[in-house]
N, C-alpha and C. Protein backbone atom coordinates (compact mmCIF):
# COMPACT_ATOMS: atom_id res chain seq x y z
N MET A 1 81.76 -96.69 -150.16
CA MET A 1 81.21 -96.78 -148.81
C MET A 1 82.33 -97.15 -147.85
N ARG A 2 82.39 -96.47 -146.75
CA ARG A 2 83.44 -96.68 -145.77
C ARG A 2 83.09 -97.83 -144.83
N ARG A 3 84.08 -98.70 -144.60
CA ARG A 3 83.85 -99.86 -143.74
C ARG A 3 83.94 -99.42 -142.28
N ARG A 4 82.98 -99.86 -141.48
CA ARG A 4 82.96 -99.51 -140.06
C ARG A 4 83.87 -100.43 -139.28
N ARG A 5 84.53 -99.86 -138.28
CA ARG A 5 85.35 -100.67 -137.38
C ARG A 5 84.43 -101.54 -136.54
N PRO A 6 84.87 -102.74 -136.19
CA PRO A 6 84.04 -103.59 -135.33
C PRO A 6 83.87 -102.96 -133.95
N ARG A 7 82.78 -103.31 -133.32
CA ARG A 7 82.53 -102.82 -131.95
C ARG A 7 83.60 -103.35 -131.02
N PRO A 8 84.04 -102.52 -130.07
CA PRO A 8 85.05 -103.00 -129.11
C PRO A 8 84.47 -104.12 -128.24
N ALA A 9 85.33 -105.03 -127.87
CA ALA A 9 84.94 -106.12 -126.97
C ALA A 9 85.18 -105.66 -125.54
N GLN A 10 84.15 -105.72 -124.71
CA GLN A 10 84.28 -105.38 -123.30
C GLN A 10 84.78 -106.62 -122.57
N VAL A 11 85.78 -106.46 -121.72
CA VAL A 11 86.33 -107.59 -120.98
C VAL A 11 86.25 -107.27 -119.50
N SER A 12 85.79 -108.24 -118.72
CA SER A 12 85.75 -108.07 -117.26
C SER A 12 86.65 -109.12 -116.61
N ALA A 13 86.85 -108.97 -115.32
CA ALA A 13 87.69 -109.92 -114.59
C ALA A 13 87.07 -111.31 -114.61
N ALA A 14 85.74 -111.38 -114.77
CA ALA A 14 85.05 -112.67 -114.76
C ALA A 14 84.75 -113.19 -116.17
N SER A 15 85.25 -112.50 -117.19
CA SER A 15 84.99 -112.94 -118.57
C SER A 15 85.53 -114.34 -118.82
N ASN A 16 84.77 -115.13 -119.57
CA ASN A 16 85.22 -116.44 -120.03
C ASN A 16 86.18 -116.18 -121.19
N VAL A 17 87.48 -116.41 -120.98
CA VAL A 17 88.47 -116.03 -121.98
C VAL A 17 88.29 -116.77 -123.30
N LYS A 18 87.84 -118.02 -123.26
CA LYS A 18 87.63 -118.75 -124.51
C LYS A 18 86.46 -118.16 -125.30
N ALA A 19 85.42 -117.71 -124.60
CA ALA A 19 84.29 -117.08 -125.28
C ALA A 19 84.72 -115.75 -125.89
N VAL A 20 85.49 -114.95 -125.16
CA VAL A 20 85.99 -113.68 -125.69
C VAL A 20 86.90 -113.96 -126.89
N ALA A 21 87.78 -114.95 -126.77
CA ALA A 21 88.69 -115.31 -127.87
C ALA A 21 87.90 -115.73 -129.11
N GLY A 22 86.83 -116.50 -128.90
CA GLY A 22 85.98 -116.92 -130.01
C GLY A 22 85.33 -115.73 -130.70
N LYS A 23 84.86 -114.77 -129.90
CA LYS A 23 84.24 -113.56 -130.47
C LYS A 23 85.27 -112.77 -131.27
N VAL A 24 86.47 -112.63 -130.72
CA VAL A 24 87.54 -111.90 -131.42
C VAL A 24 87.86 -112.60 -132.75
N ALA A 25 88.04 -113.91 -132.71
CA ALA A 25 88.37 -114.66 -133.92
C ALA A 25 87.26 -114.54 -134.96
N HIS A 26 86.01 -114.64 -134.52
CA HIS A 26 84.87 -114.52 -135.44
C HIS A 26 84.86 -113.14 -136.10
N THR A 27 85.08 -112.10 -135.29
CA THR A 27 85.11 -110.73 -135.81
C THR A 27 86.25 -110.56 -136.81
N CYS A 28 87.41 -111.12 -136.48
CA CYS A 28 88.58 -111.02 -137.38
C CYS A 28 88.33 -111.72 -138.70
N ARG A 29 87.65 -112.85 -138.65
CA ARG A 29 87.36 -113.58 -139.89
C ARG A 29 86.43 -112.77 -140.80
N ALA A 30 85.57 -111.95 -140.19
CA ALA A 30 84.62 -111.14 -140.96
C ALA A 30 85.23 -109.84 -141.46
N GLY A 31 86.40 -109.45 -140.94
CA GLY A 31 87.01 -108.18 -141.35
C GLY A 31 88.13 -107.78 -140.42
N ASP A 32 88.03 -106.56 -139.91
CA ASP A 32 89.08 -106.01 -139.05
C ASP A 32 89.00 -106.59 -137.64
N ALA A 33 90.12 -106.51 -136.93
CA ALA A 33 90.17 -106.96 -135.54
C ALA A 33 89.54 -105.90 -134.64
N PRO A 34 88.81 -106.32 -133.61
CA PRO A 34 88.19 -105.35 -132.70
C PRO A 34 89.21 -104.86 -131.67
N ALA A 35 88.86 -103.79 -131.00
CA ALA A 35 89.62 -103.34 -129.84
C ALA A 35 89.04 -104.06 -128.62
N MET A 36 89.82 -104.11 -127.54
CA MET A 36 89.33 -104.64 -126.27
C MET A 36 89.44 -103.54 -125.23
N LEU A 37 88.40 -103.34 -124.46
CA LEU A 37 88.39 -102.32 -123.41
C LEU A 37 88.47 -103.01 -122.06
N CYS A 38 89.44 -102.58 -121.24
CA CYS A 38 89.70 -103.25 -119.96
C CYS A 38 89.95 -102.21 -118.87
N THR A 39 89.42 -102.48 -117.69
CA THR A 39 89.69 -101.65 -116.52
C THR A 39 90.09 -102.55 -115.37
N GLY A 40 91.31 -102.37 -114.89
CA GLY A 40 91.82 -103.17 -113.77
C GLY A 40 92.74 -104.27 -114.23
N SER A 41 93.65 -104.65 -113.35
CA SER A 41 94.68 -105.64 -113.67
C SER A 41 94.11 -106.98 -114.10
N GLN A 42 93.09 -107.46 -113.41
CA GLN A 42 92.55 -108.78 -113.75
C GLN A 42 91.82 -108.76 -115.10
N CYS A 43 91.17 -107.65 -115.42
CA CYS A 43 90.53 -107.52 -116.75
C CYS A 43 91.58 -107.52 -117.84
N ILE A 44 92.67 -106.79 -117.62
CA ILE A 44 93.76 -106.74 -118.59
C ILE A 44 94.32 -108.14 -118.79
N ASN A 45 94.52 -108.87 -117.70
CA ASN A 45 95.03 -110.24 -117.78
C ASN A 45 94.09 -111.12 -118.61
N GLN A 46 92.78 -111.02 -118.35
CA GLN A 46 91.80 -111.82 -119.10
C GLN A 46 91.84 -111.47 -120.59
N ALA A 47 91.99 -110.18 -120.90
CA ALA A 47 92.03 -109.75 -122.30
C ALA A 47 93.25 -110.32 -123.01
N VAL A 48 94.40 -110.30 -122.35
CA VAL A 48 95.63 -110.83 -122.96
C VAL A 48 95.51 -112.33 -123.18
N LYS A 49 94.93 -113.04 -122.22
CA LYS A 49 94.70 -114.47 -122.40
C LYS A 49 93.81 -114.71 -123.62
N ALA A 50 92.76 -113.89 -123.75
CA ALA A 50 91.84 -114.05 -124.89
C ALA A 50 92.56 -113.80 -126.21
N VAL A 51 93.43 -112.79 -126.26
CA VAL A 51 94.19 -112.53 -127.49
C VAL A 51 95.08 -113.73 -127.82
N SER A 52 95.73 -114.28 -126.80
CA SER A 52 96.62 -115.43 -127.01
C SER A 52 95.84 -116.63 -127.55
N ILE A 53 94.67 -116.88 -127.00
CA ILE A 53 93.83 -117.99 -127.47
C ILE A 53 93.30 -117.71 -128.87
N ALA A 54 92.86 -116.48 -129.12
CA ALA A 54 92.35 -116.11 -130.45
C ALA A 54 93.42 -116.29 -131.52
N ARG A 55 94.68 -116.02 -131.17
CA ARG A 55 95.77 -116.24 -132.12
C ARG A 55 95.79 -117.70 -132.58
N GLY A 56 95.57 -118.61 -131.63
CA GLY A 56 95.53 -120.03 -131.98
C GLY A 56 94.36 -120.37 -132.89
N TYR A 57 93.19 -119.78 -132.59
CA TYR A 57 92.02 -120.02 -133.44
C TYR A 57 92.26 -119.51 -134.86
N LEU A 58 92.88 -118.33 -134.97
CA LEU A 58 93.08 -117.70 -136.28
C LEU A 58 94.23 -118.32 -137.08
N ALA A 59 95.14 -119.01 -136.40
CA ALA A 59 96.27 -119.64 -137.10
C ALA A 59 95.76 -120.63 -138.14
N ASN A 60 94.66 -121.31 -137.83
CA ASN A 60 94.07 -122.26 -138.79
C ASN A 60 93.59 -121.58 -140.07
N ASP A 61 93.32 -120.27 -139.97
CA ASP A 61 92.85 -119.50 -141.12
C ASP A 61 93.97 -118.71 -141.78
N GLY A 62 95.21 -118.89 -141.28
CA GLY A 62 96.34 -118.17 -141.86
C GLY A 62 96.52 -116.75 -141.37
N HIS A 63 95.99 -116.45 -140.16
CA HIS A 63 96.09 -115.10 -139.61
C HIS A 63 96.76 -115.11 -138.24
N ASP A 64 97.26 -113.94 -137.86
CA ASP A 64 97.86 -113.74 -136.54
C ASP A 64 97.35 -112.41 -136.00
N LEU A 65 97.54 -112.18 -134.70
CA LEU A 65 97.09 -110.95 -134.05
C LEU A 65 98.22 -110.32 -133.26
N THR A 66 98.24 -108.99 -133.26
CA THR A 66 99.07 -108.24 -132.33
C THR A 66 98.17 -107.19 -131.69
N PHE A 67 98.68 -106.54 -130.64
CA PHE A 67 97.92 -105.44 -130.05
C PHE A 67 98.85 -104.30 -129.68
N GLN A 68 98.25 -103.11 -129.58
CA GLN A 68 98.93 -101.93 -129.07
C GLN A 68 98.12 -101.43 -127.89
N THR A 69 98.80 -101.06 -126.82
CA THR A 69 98.13 -100.55 -125.62
C THR A 69 97.92 -99.05 -125.76
N ALA A 70 96.72 -98.59 -125.44
CA ALA A 70 96.42 -97.16 -125.37
C ALA A 70 95.68 -96.91 -124.05
N PHE A 71 96.04 -95.83 -123.38
CA PHE A 71 95.42 -95.51 -122.10
C PHE A 71 94.10 -94.78 -122.33
N ARG A 72 93.11 -95.09 -121.47
CA ARG A 72 91.79 -94.49 -121.55
C ARG A 72 91.55 -93.59 -120.36
N GLU A 73 90.67 -92.61 -120.55
CA GLU A 73 90.31 -91.72 -119.45
C GLU A 73 89.61 -92.51 -118.35
N GLY A 74 89.77 -92.03 -117.14
CA GLY A 74 89.09 -92.65 -116.01
C GLY A 74 89.91 -93.68 -115.27
N GLY A 75 91.06 -94.04 -115.80
CA GLY A 75 91.91 -95.01 -115.11
C GLY A 75 92.69 -94.35 -113.99
N THR A 76 93.07 -95.15 -113.02
CA THR A 76 93.90 -94.69 -111.91
C THR A 76 95.09 -95.64 -111.80
N PRO A 77 96.12 -95.26 -111.05
CA PRO A 77 97.23 -96.21 -110.87
C PRO A 77 96.78 -97.53 -110.26
N GLU A 78 95.78 -97.49 -109.39
CA GLU A 78 95.29 -98.71 -108.75
C GLU A 78 94.37 -99.51 -109.67
N LYS A 79 93.69 -98.82 -110.58
CA LYS A 79 92.74 -99.47 -111.49
C LYS A 79 92.90 -98.85 -112.88
N PRO A 80 93.95 -99.29 -113.60
CA PRO A 80 94.20 -98.71 -114.92
C PRO A 80 93.11 -99.06 -115.93
N SER A 81 92.87 -98.14 -116.85
CA SER A 81 91.89 -98.35 -117.91
C SER A 81 92.61 -98.24 -119.25
N VAL A 82 92.56 -99.32 -120.03
CA VAL A 82 93.28 -99.35 -121.30
C VAL A 82 92.39 -99.91 -122.41
N ALA A 83 92.80 -99.60 -123.62
CA ALA A 83 92.25 -100.24 -124.81
C ALA A 83 93.39 -101.02 -125.45
N LEU A 84 93.11 -102.23 -125.84
CA LEU A 84 94.07 -103.01 -126.62
C LEU A 84 93.58 -102.96 -128.06
N TYR A 85 94.30 -102.20 -128.88
CA TYR A 85 93.95 -102.09 -130.30
C TYR A 85 94.64 -103.21 -131.05
N MET A 86 93.84 -104.14 -131.53
CA MET A 86 94.39 -105.32 -132.19
C MET A 86 94.50 -105.09 -133.70
N ALA A 87 95.46 -105.78 -134.28
CA ALA A 87 95.64 -105.76 -135.73
C ALA A 87 95.81 -107.19 -136.21
N LYS A 88 95.21 -107.48 -137.34
CA LYS A 88 95.28 -108.81 -137.94
C LYS A 88 96.43 -108.80 -138.96
N HIS A 89 97.23 -109.86 -138.95
CA HIS A 89 98.37 -110.00 -139.86
C HIS A 89 98.31 -111.38 -140.50
N PRO A 90 98.96 -111.53 -141.67
CA PRO A 90 99.09 -112.88 -142.23
C PRO A 90 99.98 -113.73 -141.33
N LEU A 91 99.66 -114.99 -141.20
CA LEU A 91 100.48 -115.89 -140.39
C LEU A 91 101.89 -115.91 -140.95
N GLY A 92 102.88 -115.83 -140.09
CA GLY A 92 104.27 -115.85 -140.52
C GLY A 92 104.79 -114.49 -140.96
N TRP A 93 104.04 -113.40 -140.67
CA TRP A 93 104.53 -112.07 -141.05
C TRP A 93 105.83 -111.79 -140.32
N PRO A 94 106.71 -110.99 -140.91
CA PRO A 94 108.03 -110.79 -140.31
C PRO A 94 107.95 -109.92 -139.06
N ILE A 95 108.23 -110.51 -137.94
CA ILE A 95 108.24 -109.78 -136.67
C ILE A 95 109.69 -109.57 -136.26
N THR A 96 109.93 -108.51 -135.51
CA THR A 96 111.27 -108.20 -135.05
C THR A 96 111.79 -109.33 -134.17
N PRO A 97 112.98 -109.87 -134.46
CA PRO A 97 113.52 -110.94 -133.60
C PRO A 97 113.77 -110.43 -132.18
N ASN A 98 113.43 -111.25 -131.19
CA ASN A 98 113.65 -110.89 -129.78
C ASN A 98 114.85 -111.65 -129.26
N ASN A 99 115.90 -110.92 -128.90
CA ASN A 99 117.15 -111.54 -128.44
C ASN A 99 117.26 -111.61 -126.93
N VAL A 100 116.52 -110.77 -126.23
CA VAL A 100 116.65 -110.62 -124.79
C VAL A 100 115.28 -110.78 -124.16
N GLU A 101 115.23 -111.45 -123.01
CA GLU A 101 113.96 -111.60 -122.29
C GLU A 101 114.01 -110.78 -121.01
N MET A 102 112.96 -110.00 -120.77
CA MET A 102 112.83 -109.23 -119.55
C MET A 102 111.70 -109.83 -118.72
N GLN A 103 112.04 -110.27 -117.50
CA GLN A 103 111.03 -110.80 -116.58
C GLN A 103 110.34 -109.62 -115.90
N VAL A 104 109.02 -109.61 -115.91
CA VAL A 104 108.25 -108.56 -115.26
C VAL A 104 107.42 -109.24 -114.18
N GLY A 105 107.51 -108.73 -112.96
CA GLY A 105 106.79 -109.32 -111.84
C GLY A 105 105.58 -108.50 -111.43
N ALA A 106 104.85 -109.05 -110.47
CA ALA A 106 103.66 -108.37 -109.95
C ALA A 106 104.02 -107.06 -109.27
N THR A 107 105.23 -106.97 -108.72
CA THR A 107 105.64 -105.75 -108.01
C THR A 107 106.61 -104.90 -108.82
N SER A 108 106.84 -105.28 -110.07
CA SER A 108 107.74 -104.49 -110.93
C SER A 108 107.14 -103.10 -111.15
N GLY A 109 107.98 -102.09 -111.10
CA GLY A 109 107.53 -100.73 -111.40
C GLY A 109 107.32 -100.58 -112.90
N VAL A 110 106.14 -100.17 -113.28
CA VAL A 110 105.81 -100.04 -114.70
C VAL A 110 106.75 -99.04 -115.38
N GLN A 111 107.04 -97.92 -114.72
CA GLN A 111 107.93 -96.92 -115.32
C GLN A 111 109.35 -97.45 -115.45
N VAL A 112 109.79 -98.27 -114.50
CA VAL A 112 111.13 -98.86 -114.58
C VAL A 112 111.21 -99.79 -115.79
N VAL A 113 110.19 -100.63 -115.96
CA VAL A 113 110.15 -101.55 -117.10
C VAL A 113 110.08 -100.75 -118.40
N CYS A 114 109.25 -99.71 -118.43
CA CYS A 114 109.11 -98.87 -119.62
C CYS A 114 110.45 -98.24 -120.00
N THR A 115 111.14 -97.68 -119.02
CA THR A 115 112.44 -97.03 -119.29
C THR A 115 113.44 -98.03 -119.84
N ALA A 116 113.51 -99.21 -119.24
CA ALA A 116 114.46 -100.24 -119.70
C ALA A 116 114.10 -100.72 -121.10
N LEU A 117 112.81 -100.93 -121.35
CA LEU A 117 112.37 -101.40 -122.66
C LEU A 117 112.66 -100.36 -123.74
N ALA A 118 112.31 -99.10 -123.47
CA ALA A 118 112.55 -98.04 -124.45
C ALA A 118 114.04 -97.87 -124.73
N GLN A 119 114.86 -97.93 -123.69
CA GLN A 119 116.31 -97.78 -123.88
C GLN A 119 116.88 -98.90 -124.74
N ARG A 120 116.46 -100.11 -124.47
CA ARG A 120 116.96 -101.24 -125.27
C ARG A 120 116.53 -101.11 -126.73
N ILE A 121 115.29 -100.69 -126.95
CA ILE A 121 114.81 -100.53 -128.32
C ILE A 121 115.61 -99.44 -129.04
N ARG A 122 115.89 -98.35 -128.35
CA ARG A 122 116.71 -97.28 -128.95
C ARG A 122 118.11 -97.79 -129.31
N GLU A 123 118.61 -98.76 -128.54
CA GLU A 123 119.93 -99.34 -128.80
C GLU A 123 119.89 -100.42 -129.89
N GLY A 124 118.70 -100.70 -130.41
CA GLY A 124 118.57 -101.71 -131.45
C GLY A 124 118.35 -103.11 -130.92
N ILE A 125 118.15 -103.23 -129.62
CA ILE A 125 117.87 -104.53 -128.99
C ILE A 125 116.37 -104.58 -128.71
N VAL A 126 115.70 -105.60 -129.20
CA VAL A 126 114.26 -105.70 -128.99
C VAL A 126 113.98 -106.88 -128.07
N PRO A 127 113.73 -106.59 -126.78
CA PRO A 127 113.46 -107.69 -125.85
C PRO A 127 112.01 -108.17 -125.95
N CYS A 128 111.76 -109.30 -125.32
CA CYS A 128 110.39 -109.73 -125.10
C CYS A 128 110.16 -109.63 -123.59
N LEU A 129 108.92 -109.47 -123.21
CA LEU A 129 108.54 -109.39 -121.80
C LEU A 129 107.85 -110.67 -121.41
N THR A 130 108.09 -111.13 -120.18
CA THR A 130 107.42 -112.32 -119.67
C THR A 130 106.81 -112.00 -118.31
N GLY A 131 105.54 -112.36 -118.13
CA GLY A 131 104.86 -112.14 -116.87
C GLY A 131 104.16 -113.40 -116.40
N ILE A 132 104.28 -113.68 -115.09
CA ILE A 132 103.60 -114.82 -114.47
C ILE A 132 102.57 -114.26 -113.50
N GLY A 133 101.30 -114.52 -113.76
CA GLY A 133 100.24 -114.04 -112.89
C GLY A 133 99.60 -112.77 -113.43
N GLY A 134 98.38 -112.52 -112.99
CA GLY A 134 97.59 -111.40 -113.49
C GLY A 134 98.23 -110.04 -113.33
N ASP A 135 98.79 -109.76 -112.16
CA ASP A 135 99.40 -108.45 -111.94
C ASP A 135 100.65 -108.26 -112.79
N ALA A 136 101.43 -109.31 -112.96
CA ALA A 136 102.64 -109.22 -113.80
C ALA A 136 102.26 -109.01 -115.26
N VAL A 137 101.24 -109.72 -115.74
CA VAL A 137 100.78 -109.56 -117.12
C VAL A 137 100.26 -108.14 -117.32
N SER A 138 99.49 -107.64 -116.37
CA SER A 138 99.00 -106.27 -116.45
C SER A 138 100.16 -105.27 -116.48
N ASN A 139 101.18 -105.50 -115.66
CA ASN A 139 102.35 -104.61 -115.67
C ASN A 139 103.04 -104.62 -117.03
N CYS A 140 103.09 -105.76 -117.68
CA CYS A 140 103.66 -105.84 -119.04
C CYS A 140 102.86 -104.97 -120.00
N VAL A 141 101.55 -105.10 -119.96
CA VAL A 141 100.68 -104.35 -120.87
C VAL A 141 100.81 -102.85 -120.62
N LEU A 142 100.84 -102.44 -119.35
CA LEU A 142 100.98 -101.03 -119.02
C LEU A 142 102.35 -100.50 -119.45
N ALA A 143 103.39 -101.31 -119.26
CA ALA A 143 104.74 -100.90 -119.68
C ALA A 143 104.79 -100.74 -121.20
N ILE A 144 104.10 -101.60 -121.93
CA ILE A 144 104.05 -101.48 -123.39
C ILE A 144 103.39 -100.15 -123.77
N GLY A 145 102.31 -99.78 -123.09
CA GLY A 145 101.64 -98.51 -123.36
C GLY A 145 102.54 -97.31 -123.08
N HIS A 146 103.21 -97.33 -121.95
CA HIS A 146 104.11 -96.22 -121.61
C HIS A 146 105.31 -96.17 -122.55
N THR A 147 105.80 -97.33 -122.98
CA THR A 147 106.93 -97.37 -123.91
C THR A 147 106.52 -96.78 -125.26
N ARG A 148 105.31 -97.03 -125.69
CA ARG A 148 104.83 -96.42 -126.94
C ARG A 148 104.92 -94.91 -126.86
N LEU A 149 104.50 -94.35 -125.72
CA LEU A 149 104.56 -92.89 -125.54
C LEU A 149 106.00 -92.40 -125.50
N ALA A 150 106.87 -93.16 -124.84
CA ALA A 150 108.28 -92.76 -124.71
C ALA A 150 109.01 -92.80 -126.05
N LEU A 151 108.63 -93.71 -126.93
CA LEU A 151 109.31 -93.87 -128.22
C LEU A 151 108.76 -92.97 -129.32
N GLU A 152 107.61 -92.36 -129.08
CA GLU A 152 106.99 -91.52 -130.11
C GLU A 152 107.91 -90.41 -130.61
N PRO A 153 108.63 -89.68 -129.72
CA PRO A 153 109.54 -88.64 -130.23
C PRO A 153 110.68 -89.19 -131.10
N ASP A 154 110.98 -90.48 -130.95
CA ASP A 154 112.03 -91.12 -131.75
C ASP A 154 111.49 -91.64 -133.09
N GLY A 155 110.20 -91.44 -133.33
CA GLY A 155 109.60 -91.94 -134.57
C GLY A 155 109.40 -93.44 -134.57
N LEU A 156 109.25 -94.02 -133.38
CA LEU A 156 109.07 -95.47 -133.25
C LEU A 156 107.79 -95.79 -132.51
N ASP A 157 107.23 -96.94 -132.78
CA ASP A 157 106.06 -97.44 -132.07
C ASP A 157 106.26 -98.94 -131.89
N ILE A 158 105.55 -99.52 -130.94
CA ILE A 158 105.67 -100.96 -130.71
C ILE A 158 104.29 -101.60 -130.65
N ARG A 159 104.28 -102.89 -130.94
CA ARG A 159 103.09 -103.72 -130.79
C ARG A 159 103.54 -105.03 -130.16
N ALA A 160 102.61 -105.75 -129.58
CA ALA A 160 102.95 -106.99 -128.88
C ALA A 160 102.16 -108.16 -129.45
N ARG A 161 102.82 -109.31 -129.45
CA ARG A 161 102.20 -110.57 -129.86
C ARG A 161 102.31 -111.51 -128.65
N PRO A 162 101.22 -111.70 -127.89
CA PRO A 162 101.30 -112.53 -126.68
C PRO A 162 101.14 -114.02 -126.98
N GLU A 163 101.80 -114.83 -126.16
CA GLU A 163 101.62 -116.28 -126.27
C GLU A 163 101.80 -116.90 -124.89
N PHE A 164 101.14 -118.03 -124.69
CA PHE A 164 101.31 -118.80 -123.46
C PHE A 164 102.62 -119.56 -123.52
N ILE A 165 103.34 -119.58 -122.41
CA ILE A 165 104.55 -120.40 -122.30
C ILE A 165 104.55 -121.07 -120.93
N HIS A 166 105.43 -122.04 -120.75
CA HIS A 166 105.64 -122.69 -119.46
C HIS A 166 107.03 -122.33 -118.99
N VAL A 167 107.14 -121.97 -117.70
CA VAL A 167 108.45 -121.64 -117.13
C VAL A 167 108.67 -122.49 -115.89
N GLN A 168 109.92 -122.81 -115.63
CA GLN A 168 110.30 -123.56 -114.43
C GLN A 168 110.59 -122.57 -113.31
N LYS A 169 109.87 -122.68 -112.22
CA LYS A 169 110.08 -121.81 -111.06
C LYS A 169 109.91 -122.64 -109.80
N GLN A 170 110.82 -122.50 -108.88
CA GLN A 170 110.74 -123.13 -107.57
C GLN A 170 110.37 -124.61 -107.67
N GLY A 171 111.05 -125.31 -108.56
CA GLY A 171 110.85 -126.75 -108.68
C GLY A 171 109.59 -127.18 -109.40
N GLY A 172 108.81 -126.24 -109.93
CA GLY A 172 107.59 -126.61 -110.63
C GLY A 172 107.45 -125.86 -111.94
N GLU A 173 106.45 -126.26 -112.70
CA GLU A 173 106.20 -125.60 -113.97
C GLU A 173 105.01 -124.67 -113.81
N LEU A 174 105.17 -123.42 -114.25
CA LEU A 174 104.12 -122.43 -114.16
C LEU A 174 103.76 -121.92 -115.55
N ASN A 175 102.50 -121.50 -115.71
CA ASN A 175 102.08 -120.86 -116.95
C ASN A 175 102.47 -119.39 -116.90
N ALA A 176 102.85 -118.85 -118.03
CA ALA A 176 103.22 -117.45 -118.14
C ALA A 176 102.77 -116.93 -119.49
N ILE A 177 102.81 -115.61 -119.63
CA ILE A 177 102.55 -114.98 -120.92
C ILE A 177 103.85 -114.31 -121.37
N LYS A 178 104.22 -114.60 -122.60
CA LYS A 178 105.39 -113.97 -123.20
C LYS A 178 104.89 -112.99 -124.27
N PHE A 179 105.38 -111.75 -124.19
CA PHE A 179 105.01 -110.71 -125.14
C PHE A 179 106.17 -110.49 -126.10
N HIS A 180 106.01 -110.95 -127.33
CA HIS A 180 107.01 -110.67 -128.36
C HIS A 180 106.76 -109.24 -128.84
N ILE A 181 107.78 -108.41 -128.79
CA ILE A 181 107.64 -107.01 -129.16
C ILE A 181 108.08 -106.82 -130.61
N HIS A 182 107.29 -106.06 -131.34
CA HIS A 182 107.63 -105.70 -132.72
C HIS A 182 107.74 -104.18 -132.79
N VAL A 183 108.78 -103.68 -133.43
CA VAL A 183 109.02 -102.24 -133.54
C VAL A 183 108.60 -101.78 -134.93
N ASP A 184 107.82 -100.69 -134.96
CA ASP A 184 107.40 -100.06 -136.22
C ASP A 184 107.99 -98.66 -136.28
N LYS A 185 108.36 -98.22 -137.47
CA LYS A 185 108.76 -96.82 -137.68
C LYS A 185 107.49 -96.04 -138.02
N ILE A 186 107.34 -94.88 -137.38
CA ILE A 186 106.14 -94.06 -137.67
C ILE A 186 106.53 -92.77 -138.36
């Protein structure tokens, strides 16, 4: 008998990220990780926060999560529509070391970030992306999706492992999301 994939988790801009993270963790404990469906920058931001929190919940069970961005029909440049396909891994699984950090801002061009990320990966350098704020986090996720498409002819694919970090900016401490990138050969 074939095992069914879990139902995708719908995420909205108003979603309670801890509740979504709890649902993701519960689903992962029962089997495979669900996908998350998001439309718009704020929804994407909420989904990434939920993945980051779910990683913490699952660490107690010896598991970790990554995601891959895939574009969905119906999205526009102003309101992108994506699926975050999550995968469950054993805690401490070997991830590609990140030597370089790329700051992505709310006004960063997604194609510019994608081109830089893909070029570095082709050179054997695997950067991590950091975004502060919903639009910057969304730009990171979109750049990851475009980079996946750009690397496909090279026989490469990427996945991201998001985590919360604190950064010093303008004399204060801000919360940010850091995306550790892992490269897979396809």
